[in-house]
Amino acid sequence: VLIRDRLETIPTDRWNPSTLDPLADRLSQEIQARVTLIDLQGHLLGDSELSQEALEKAENHLQRPEVVASLQESHGVSRRHSSTIGTDMMYVAVKTSRGFARVALPLDVIDQTFWHLKRSLLFASLVALILSSAVGFVLSRSLSLSVREIANVATQISQGDFSKRVPIHRKDELGALAEHINKMARSLESQFLEITNEKNRMRRLEDMRKEFVANVSHELKTPLTSILGYAETLKDGALQDTQTASRFLEKIEKNAQQLRQLVEDILKLSEIESGRMELQMETFDLSKMVDEIQERFEEALQTKRIEFQNKIEPTVVITADPDALSQVLVNLIDNAIKYTHIRGNIVISSERWGGFIKISVADIGVGIPDTDLPHVFERFYRVDKARSRELGGTGLGLSIVKHLVQAHGGEVGVTSEVGKGSQFYFTLPATE
């Protein structure tokens, strides 16, 4: 088609051997094949394999099979031995408006080209087969590993190990499956932890309930046993001895008061912990409250000749429930008086602590061992059990202090040194 288009551009007056023979040579170099140009009468006007002199002697080509065929169809093809160049050739001829263009290739060149093409195709097919096999193996192995990973993780999850996750290396259906399994594992893990935490919480509550019942029973048993013992002694005849009877009645009264205090403390603590207690917040002068509490303990302070110092400035105001804060201070001051040496010293002070007011109750007393410090605010915990009961303590005072302070948004703490004294403190949000 290329040759025919080139020929159609040549004017009729140049349709001769001097023009067409050089053109045949150029076209032959371009397409690497023999090119023959023939006029409508079958005379050769150009041939890449013949000189111009040879063209004039060449036989007429009008009856050549490929030329005859090109007259009937768009092109003609034939295979035969070329007498001109003495080799087997394949000829392809096309008709133009002023003649014919024919291209010829030796059959051995065609066969060789076909063989090279066939060999290239075979090689390409072999390479493609090897590559496809390799790719298939890699994909199959990758798929197998992914499925195995998913199966292993699914098995571990089914056995209760919800912390396992499937590594996601793919973005296909297996990757989506792995992501769904991981989501399921996270959900199961979260639910399992929630159930476990709830079980642990219930177990702790049950342990606390049992411990509380045991402690209450023990605390009730001691004064009740004393009351019963004194009552039986009086019944058996001690009533006749006025002095003994009076002493025993005082003991009974003291133990009864301890029982009443224990019951009141238990009810108070229960009210705070259950959340039933409603705080009635007011803003008031803290120093004035401490002065009022000091008056309540004046007799006990004078009995032990304790110096009581209120170092809280009158300018310090607190926003809190007055009754609750009063009970906090009463419990702390009562403890300080009980455990302060005769002629000792108790100091109430306050200071700004960030966004809080820190209130301290310091005494010069027996102090608390380091091993007991973390437990002093626990229910029924006593550093010296015998002395605590002797002094009338229930073991709930400091626990009530902690819960009341926490209900106000504050915290409690203690520092102490054995033989030198203790400092109990608590914080409350500062009033701006």
Protein backbone atom coordinates (compact mmCIF):
# COMPACT_ATOMS: atom_id res chain seq x y z
CA VAL A 1 0.00 0.00 0.00
CA LEU A 2 2.90 2.31 0.81
CA ILE A 3 4.50 1.67 -2.59
CA ARG A 4 1.21 2.13 -4.45
CA ASP A 5 0.59 5.46 -2.73
CA ARG A 6 4.08 6.63 -3.65
CA LEU A 7 3.54 5.64 -7.31
CA GLU A 8 0.23 7.50 -7.54
CA THR A 9 2.04 10.75 -6.79
CA ILE A 10 4.38 10.42 -9.81
CA PRO A 11 3.25 12.38 -12.90
CA THR A 12 2.53 10.43 -16.11
CA ASP A 13 5.37 12.09 -18.02
CA ARG A 14 7.84 10.69 -15.50
CA TRP A 15 6.47 7.17 -15.63
CA ASN A 16 9.62 5.72 -17.27
CA PRO A 17 12.67 3.61 -16.34
CA SER A 18 14.89 6.61 -15.60
CA THR A 19 12.51 7.70 -12.82
CA LEU A 20 11.09 4.42 -11.59
CA ASP A 21 14.22 2.25 -11.49
CA PRO A 22 16.00 4.47 -8.91
CA LEU A 23 12.71 4.63 -6.99
CA ALA A 24 12.57 0.82 -6.91
CA ASP A 25 16.08 0.77 -5.43
CA ARG A 26 15.11 3.25 -2.69
CA LEU A 27 11.91 1.42 -1.84
CA SER A 28 13.81 -1.87 -1.67
CA GLN A 29 16.20 -0.42 0.89
CA GLU A 30 13.31 0.87 2.95
CA ILE A 31 11.38 -2.41 3.13
CA GLN A 32 14.31 -4.84 2.72
CA ALA A 33 12.69 -6.69 -0.19
CA ARG A 34 12.92 -6.87 -4.00
CA VAL A 35 10.71 -4.21 -5.64
CA THR A 36 9.56 -4.41 -9.28
CA LEU A 37 7.57 -1.67 -11.06
CA ILE A 38 5.60 -2.71 -14.22
CA ASP A 39 3.52 -0.71 -16.70
CA LEU A 40 0.07 -1.72 -17.89
CA GLN A 41 1.55 -3.59 -20.90
CA GLY A 42 3.76 -5.76 -18.66
CA HIS A 43 7.08 -4.00 -19.38
CA LEU A 44 9.51 -3.57 -16.50
CA LEU A 45 10.09 0.09 -15.63
CA GLY A 46 12.09 -0.51 -12.47
CA ASP A 47 13.59 -3.42 -10.52
CA SER A 48 15.82 -3.25 -7.48
CA GLU A 49 17.69 -6.39 -8.61
CA LEU A 50 18.24 -5.38 -12.30
CA SER A 51 20.11 -2.62 -14.06
CA GLN A 52 18.38 -0.38 -16.59
CA GLU A 53 20.02 -2.31 -19.46
CA ALA A 54 18.72 -5.57 -18.06
CA LEU A 55 15.24 -4.07 -17.78
CA GLU A 56 15.04 -3.66 -21.53
CA LYS A 57 15.94 -7.31 -22.08
CA ALA A 58 13.61 -8.70 -19.40
CA GLU A 59 10.60 -10.69 -20.57
CA ASN A 60 7.08 -9.34 -20.34
CA HIS A 61 5.52 -9.75 -16.85
CA LEU A 62 1.85 -9.26 -17.74
CA GLN A 63 1.11 -12.97 -17.53
CA ARG A 64 2.86 -13.55 -14.28
CA PRO A 65 0.38 -15.20 -11.87
CA GLU A 66 0.56 -12.49 -9.23
CA VAL A 67 0.03 -9.76 -11.85
CA VAL A 68 -2.92 -11.60 -13.37
CA ALA A 69 -4.41 -12.08 -9.90
CA SER A 70 -4.02 -8.37 -9.03
CA LEU A 71 -6.16 -7.50 -12.07
CA GLN A 72 -9.03 -9.48 -10.61
CA GLU A 73 -8.59 -8.65 -6.92
CA SER A 74 -6.94 -5.95 -4.89
CA HIS A 75 -3.67 -7.85 -4.93
CA GLY A 76 -2.10 -11.09 -6.17
CA VAL A 77 0.24 -13.58 -4.51
CA SER A 78 2.29 -16.41 -5.95
CA ARG A 79 5.26 -18.63 -5.11
CA ARG A 80 7.66 -19.80 -7.78
CA HIS A 81 11.23 -19.97 -8.92
CA SER A 82 12.58 -16.70 -10.26
CA SER A 83 14.41 -17.23 -13.54
CA THR A 84 15.67 -13.65 -13.33
CA ILE A 85 17.64 -14.03 -10.07
CA GLY A 86 17.61 -17.84 -9.85
CA THR A 87 15.90 -18.45 -6.45
CA ASP A 88 12.50 -19.45 -5.09
CA MET A 89 10.49 -16.36 -4.31
CA MET A 90 7.15 -15.20 -2.96
CA TYR A 91 5.60 -12.41 -5.00
CA VAL A 92 2.90 -9.94 -4.00
CA ALA A 93 1.55 -7.59 -6.69
CA VAL A 94 -0.90 -4.64 -6.49
CA LYS A 95 -2.40 -2.69 -9.41
CA THR A 96 -2.05 1.09 -9.67
CA SER A 97 -3.68 3.50 -12.11
CA ARG A 98 -0.66 3.35 -14.45
CA GLY A 99 0.74 -0.11 -13.83
CA PHE A 100 1.71 -2.61 -11.16
CA ALA A 101 3.95 -2.67 -8.12
CA ARG A 102 5.39 -5.99 -7.04
CA VAL A 103 7.32 -6.97 -3.92
CA ALA A 104 9.27 -10.21 -3.70
CA LEU A 105 11.08 -12.01 -0.92
CA PRO A 106 13.14 -15.20 -1.15
CA LEU A 107 11.25 -18.09 0.42
CA ASP A 108 14.26 -19.03 2.52
CA VAL A 109 14.21 -15.53 4.05
CA ILE A 110 10.50 -15.89 4.74
CA ASP A 111 11.04 -19.35 6.17
CA GLN A 112 13.89 -18.07 8.30
CA THR A 113 11.81 -15.12 9.47
CA PHE A 114 8.93 -17.45 10.22
CA TRP A 115 11.27 -19.76 12.13
CA HIS A 116 12.65 -16.85 14.15
CA LEU A 117 9.12 -15.69 14.82
CA LYS A 118 8.05 -19.19 15.79
CA ARG A 119 11.06 -19.58 18.05
CA SER A 120 10.39 -16.18 19.61
CA LEU A 121 6.78 -17.14 20.15
CA LEU A 122 7.80 -20.44 21.71
CA PHE A 123 10.33 -18.70 23.92
CA ALA A 124 7.80 -16.04 24.89
CA SER A 125 5.25 -18.76 25.64
CA LEU A 126 7.78 -20.63 27.77
CA VAL A 127 8.73 -17.45 29.64
CA ALA A 128 5.05 -16.62 30.10
CA LEU A 129 4.41 -20.15 31.38
CA ILE A 130 7.32 -19.92 33.83
CA LEU A 131 6.29 -16.45 34.98
CA SER A 132 2.65 -17.41 35.32
CA SER A 133 3.66 -20.53 37.25
CA ALA A 134 5.93 -18.47 39.51
CA VAL A 135 3.27 -15.82 40.02
CA GLY A 136 0.69 -18.54 40.63
CA PHE A 137 2.99 -20.20 43.16
CA VAL A 138 3.66 -16.92 44.96
CA LEU A 139 -0.03 -15.99 44.96
CA SER A 140 -1.01 -19.48 46.05
CA ARG A 141 1.59 -19.45 48.83
CA SER A 142 0.54 -15.96 49.91
CA LEU A 143 -3.11 -17.01 49.85
CA SER A 144 -2.31 -20.17 51.78
CA LEU A 145 -0.32 -18.24 54.40
CA SER A 146 -3.10 -15.66 54.76
CA VAL A 147 -5.75 -18.35 55.17
CA ARG A 148 -3.53 -20.17 57.69
CA GLU A 149 -2.98 -16.97 59.68
CA ILE A 150 -6.71 -16.27 59.76
CA ALA A 151 -7.47 -19.86 60.78
CA ASN A 152 -4.84 -19.78 63.58
CA VAL A 153 -6.14 -16.50 65.01
CA ALA A 154 -9.76 -17.68 64.74
CA THR A 155 -8.82 -20.85 66.64
CA GLN A 156 -7.09 -18.88 69.41
CA ILE A 157 -10.06 -16.52 69.68
CA SER A 158 -12.43 -19.49 69.94
CA GLN A 159 -10.25 -20.77 72.82
CA GLY A 160 -10.67 -17.51 74.73
CA ASP A 161 -7.56 -15.56 73.73
CA PHE A 162 -9.24 -12.36 72.54
CA SER A 163 -5.96 -10.41 72.38
CA LYS A 164 -4.91 -12.08 69.12
CA ARG A 165 -5.15 -10.14 65.84
CA VAL A 166 -4.78 -11.14 62.19
CA PRO A 167 -1.93 -9.25 60.44
CA ILE A 168 -3.47 -7.46 57.45
CA HIS A 169 -1.20 -7.60 54.37
CA ARG A 170 -3.85 -7.63 51.65
CA LYS A 171 -6.60 -5.36 50.34
CA ASP A 172 -8.76 -8.10 48.81
CA GLU A 173 -11.54 -10.24 50.25
CA LEU A 174 -9.11 -11.99 52.62
CA GLY A 175 -7.96 -8.61 53.91
CA ALA A 176 -11.58 -7.62 54.51
CA LEU A 177 -12.19 -10.95 56.29
CA ALA A 178 -9.12 -10.37 58.48
CA GLU A 179 -10.36 -6.89 59.38
CA HIS A 180 -13.80 -8.26 60.33
CA ILE A 181 -12.18 -10.95 62.51
CA ASN A 182 -10.04 -8.29 64.21
CA LYS A 183 -13.13 -6.16 64.85
CA MET A 184 -14.90 -9.17 66.31
CA ALA A 185 -11.86 -9.94 68.50
CA ARG A 186 -11.73 -6.34 69.76
CA SER A 187 -15.43 -6.41 70.55
CA LEU A 188 -15.16 -9.76 72.35
CA GLU A 189 -12.07 -8.58 74.24
CA SER A 190 -13.86 -5.42 75.35
CA GLN A 191 -16.92 -7.38 76.49
CA PHE A 192 -14.75 -9.98 78.21
CA LEU A 193 -12.79 -7.29 80.08
CA GLU A 194 -16.03 -5.60 81.06
CA ILE A 195 -17.46 -8.86 82.39
CA THR A 196 -14.17 -9.70 84.15
CA ASN A 197 -14.00 -6.25 85.75
CA GLU A 198 -17.61 -6.54 86.86
CA LYS A 199 -16.93 -9.99 88.33
CA ASN A 200 -13.85 -8.65 90.12
CA ARG A 201 -15.84 -5.68 91.39
CA MET A 202 -18.59 -7.95 92.67
CA ARG A 203 -15.98 -10.21 94.27
CA ARG A 204 -14.36 -7.21 95.97
CA LEU A 205 -17.74 -6.00 97.16
CA GLU A 206 -18.51 -9.45 98.53
CA ASP A 207 -15.13 -9.55 100.27
CA MET A 208 -15.73 -6.07 101.66
CA ARG A 209 -19.20 -7.09 102.82
CA LYS A 210 -17.83 -10.17 104.59
CA GLU A 211 -15.01 -8.15 106.12
CA PHE A 212 -17.43 -5.44 107.19
CA VAL A 213 -19.81 -7.94 108.79
CA ALA A 214 -16.90 -9.63 110.57
CA ASN A 215 -15.56 -6.30 111.82
CA VAL A 216 -18.96 -5.07 112.95
CA SER A 217 -19.61 -8.36 114.73
CA HIS A 218 -16.25 -8.11 116.47
CA GLU A 219 -16.77 -4.46 117.42
CA LEU A 220 -20.24 -5.21 118.79
CA LYS A 221 -19.15 -8.35 120.60
CA THR A 222 -16.59 -6.65 122.86
CA PRO A 223 -18.85 -4.02 124.51
CA LEU A 224 -21.84 -6.40 124.55
CA THR A 225 -19.78 -9.03 126.34
CA SER A 226 -18.67 -6.42 128.89
CA ILE A 227 -22.24 -5.21 129.42
CA LEU A 228 -23.53 -8.77 129.88
CA GLY A 229 -20.68 -9.60 132.25
CA TYR A 230 -21.29 -6.57 134.47
CA ALA A 231 -25.06 -7.09 134.35
CA GLU A 232 -24.74 -10.75 135.43
CA THR A 233 -22.40 -9.75 138.26
CA LEU A 234 -24.88 -7.15 139.48
CA LYS A 235 -27.69 -9.68 139.21
CA ASP A 236 -25.72 -12.19 141.27
CA GLY A 237 -25.56 -9.82 144.25
CA ALA A 238 -23.20 -6.97 143.44
CA LEU A 239 -26.17 -4.60 143.62
CA GLN A 240 -25.95 -4.86 147.39
CA ASP A 241 -22.47 -3.31 147.27
CA THR A 242 -23.21 0.31 146.42
CA GLN A 243 -19.63 1.20 145.49
CA THR A 244 -19.18 -1.87 143.26
CA ALA A 245 -22.62 -1.43 141.70
CA SER A 246 -21.88 2.21 140.87
CA ARG A 247 -18.55 1.29 139.28
CA PHE A 248 -20.17 -1.51 137.23
CA LEU A 249 -22.99 0.74 136.10
CA GLU A 250 -20.44 3.28 134.89
CA LYS A 251 -18.75 0.50 132.90
CA ILE A 252 -22.10 -0.56 131.44
CA GLU A 253 -22.89 3.05 130.51
CA LYS A 254 -19.46 3.52 128.89
CA ASN A 255 -19.83 0.36 126.79
CA ALA A 256 -23.40 1.30 125.86
CA GLN A 257 -22.18 4.72 124.68
CA GLN A 258 -19.47 3.01 122.66
CA LEU A 259 -22.15 0.78 121.08
CA ARG A 260 -24.28 3.81 120.27
CA GLN A 261 -21.30 5.63 118.76
CA LEU A 262 -20.45 2.55 116.68
CA VAL A 263 -24.00 2.28 115.35
CA GLU A 264 -24.09 6.01 114.56
CA ASP A 265 -20.75 5.81 112.74
CA ILE A 266 -21.89 2.76 110.75
CA LEU A 267 -25.12 4.51 109.73
CA LYS A 268 -23.21 7.68 108.82
CA LEU A 269 -20.67 5.79 106.74
CA SER A 270 -23.43 3.82 105.00
CA GLU A 271 -25.26 7.05 104.16
CA ILE A 272 -22.12 8.61 102.66
CA GLU A 273 -21.03 5.55 100.66
CA SER A 274 -24.52 4.92 99.26
CA GLY A 275 -24.73 8.47 97.91
CA ARG A 276 -27.89 9.22 99.92
CA MET A 277 -26.21 12.08 101.76
CA GLU A 278 -26.98 15.45 100.17
CA LEU A 279 -24.44 18.18 100.84
CA GLN A 280 -25.85 21.60 101.77
CA MET A 281 -23.09 23.88 100.50
CA GLU A 282 -22.45 27.20 102.26
CA THR A 283 -19.60 29.70 102.34
CA PHE A 284 -18.35 30.41 105.87
CA ASP A 285 -15.40 31.43 108.07
CA LEU A 286 -13.25 28.34 108.72
CA SER A 287 -11.35 29.88 111.66
CA LYS A 288 -14.61 30.57 113.50
CA MET A 289 -15.73 26.94 113.05
CA VAL A 290 -12.43 25.70 114.53
CA ASP A 291 -12.90 28.01 117.55
CA GLU A 292 -16.38 26.56 118.13
CA ILE A 293 -15.06 22.98 117.93
CA GLN A 294 -12.26 23.87 120.38
CA GLU A 295 -14.87 24.90 122.93
CA ARG A 296 -16.49 21.45 122.68
CA PHE A 297 -13.16 19.81 123.57
CA GLU A 298 -12.13 22.35 126.22
CA GLU A 299 -12.53 19.91 129.11
CA ALA A 300 -10.47 17.18 127.40
CA LEU A 301 -7.79 19.72 126.45
CA GLN A 302 -7.52 21.01 130.02
CA THR A 303 -7.47 17.49 131.45
CA LYS A 304 -4.32 16.65 129.42
CA ARG A 305 -3.07 20.27 129.57
CA ILE A 306 -2.78 20.35 125.79
CA GLU A 307 -2.04 23.65 124.08
CA PHE A 308 -4.48 24.14 121.19
CA GLN A 309 -3.44 26.61 118.47
CA ASN A 310 -5.82 27.80 115.77
CA LYS A 311 -3.52 29.29 113.13
CA ILE A 312 -6.19 29.65 110.45
CA GLU A 313 -6.52 33.28 109.37
CA PRO A 314 -9.98 34.85 109.73
CA THR A 315 -9.80 35.72 106.02
CA VAL A 316 -9.93 32.03 105.00
CA VAL A 317 -13.44 31.18 103.84
CA ILE A 318 -14.59 27.75 102.71
CA THR A 319 -17.53 26.62 100.58
CA ALA A 320 -18.69 23.30 102.00
CA ASP A 321 -21.43 21.55 103.95
CA PRO A 322 -20.94 23.00 107.48
CA ASP A 323 -22.19 19.88 109.29
CA ALA A 324 -20.01 17.56 107.19
CA LEU A 325 -16.89 19.73 107.55
CA SER A 326 -17.54 20.08 111.28
CA GLN A 327 -17.63 16.29 111.63
CA VAL A 328 -14.34 16.02 109.67
CA LEU A 329 -12.63 18.48 112.02
CA VAL A 330 -14.22 16.94 115.13
CA ASN A 331 -12.98 13.46 114.20
CA LEU A 332 -9.44 14.69 113.44
CA ILE A 333 -9.19 16.88 116.56
CA ASP A 334 -10.67 14.10 118.73
CA ASN A 335 -8.00 11.70 117.40
CA ALA A 336 -5.27 14.28 118.00
CA ILE A 337 -6.37 14.79 121.63
CA LYS A 338 -6.52 11.04 122.30
CA TYR A 339 -3.01 10.36 121.01
CA THR A 340 -1.22 13.58 122.10
CA HIS A 341 1.04 13.43 125.15
CA ILE A 342 0.14 15.32 128.32
CA ARG A 343 1.28 18.95 127.96
CA GLY A 344 1.41 18.33 124.24
CA ASN A 345 0.50 20.63 121.43
CA ILE A 346 -2.16 20.57 118.67
CA VAL A 347 -1.97 23.02 115.75
CA ILE A 348 -4.72 23.67 113.19
CA SER A 349 -3.44 25.48 110.09
CA SER A 350 -4.29 26.13 106.46
CA GLU A 351 -2.48 27.06 103.27
CA ARG A 352 -3.24 27.60 99.60
CA TRP A 353 -2.43 24.49 97.53
CA GLY A 354 -2.97 25.27 93.86
CA GLY A 355 -6.74 25.42 93.36
CA PHE A 356 -7.34 23.96 96.82
CA ILE A 357 -7.13 24.91 100.48
CA LYS A 358 -5.05 22.46 102.55
CA ILE A 359 -6.18 22.17 106.18
CA SER A 360 -3.86 20.38 108.63
CA VAL A 361 -4.31 19.00 112.15
CA ALA A 362 -0.87 18.38 113.69
CA ASP A 363 -0.17 16.89 117.10
CA ILE A 364 2.81 16.00 119.29
CA GLY A 365 1.97 12.43 120.14
CA VAL A 366 2.83 8.76 119.74
CA GLY A 367 3.00 8.86 115.95
CA ILE A 368 2.14 6.12 113.45
CA PRO A 369 4.55 3.47 112.05
CA ASP A 370 5.25 3.71 108.30
CA THR A 371 3.69 0.28 107.69
CA ASP A 372 0.35 1.50 109.07
CA LEU A 373 0.19 4.85 107.25
CA PRO A 374 -1.38 3.49 104.00
CA HIS A 375 -4.24 1.88 105.98
CA VAL A 376 -5.24 4.47 108.59
CA PHE A 377 -8.25 5.67 106.54
CA GLU A 378 -9.63 2.15 106.08
CA ARG A 379 -12.73 1.04 107.97
CA PHE A 380 -12.08 -0.55 111.40
CA TYR A 381 -8.31 -0.16 110.98
CA ARG A 382 -6.54 0.62 114.24
CA VAL A 383 -2.82 1.15 114.77
CA ASP A 384 -3.12 0.16 118.45
CA LYS A 385 -6.35 -1.82 118.78
CA ALA A 386 -6.34 -2.18 122.57
CA ARG A 387 -5.61 1.50 123.20
CA SER A 388 -8.13 2.61 120.58
CA ARG A 389 -10.97 0.71 122.26
CA GLU A 390 -9.82 1.95 125.67
CA LEU A 391 -10.06 5.52 124.38
CA GLY A 392 -13.52 4.88 122.95
CA GLY A 393 -12.67 4.70 119.25
CA THR A 394 -14.85 2.77 116.80
CA GLY A 395 -12.29 2.44 114.01
CA LEU A 396 -14.59 4.31 111.60
CA GLY A 397 -13.76 7.95 112.34
CA LEU A 398 -10.99 8.39 109.77
CA SER A 399 -12.92 6.43 107.15
CA ILE A 400 -15.83 8.85 107.62
CA VAL A 401 -13.36 11.76 107.26
CA LYS A 402 -12.07 10.37 103.97
CA HIS A 403 -15.52 9.85 102.46
CA LEU A 404 -16.83 13.25 103.54
CA VAL A 405 -13.79 15.05 102.10
CA GLN A 406 -14.00 13.10 98.83
CA ALA A 407 -17.70 13.99 98.58
CA HIS A 408 -16.54 17.64 98.51
CA GLY A 409 -14.01 16.93 95.73
CA GLY A 410 -10.98 16.87 98.01
CA GLU A 411 -8.42 14.34 99.24
CA VAL A 412 -7.01 13.25 102.60
CA GLY A 413 -3.49 12.36 103.71
CA VAL A 414 -1.21 11.86 106.69
CA THR A 415 2.45 12.20 107.58
CA SER A 416 3.85 10.86 110.83
CA GLU A 417 6.96 10.00 112.78
CA VAL A 418 6.83 7.50 115.63
CA GLY A 419 7.40 9.18 119.02
CA LYS A 420 7.07 12.70 117.60
CA GLY A 421 3.53 13.02 116.32
CA SER A 422 1.32 13.07 113.24
CA GLN A 423 -0.12 15.56 110.80
CA PHE A 424 -3.48 14.71 109.23
CA TYR A 425 -4.55 16.96 106.39
CA PHE A 426 -7.31 17.28 103.84
CA THR A 427 -7.96 19.51 100.85
CA LEU A 428 -11.07 21.34 99.68
CA PRO A 429 -11.64 23.35 96.49
CA ALA A 430 -10.68 26.96 97.16
CA THR A 431 -13.42 29.60 97.19
CA GLU A 432 -12.57 32.30 94.66
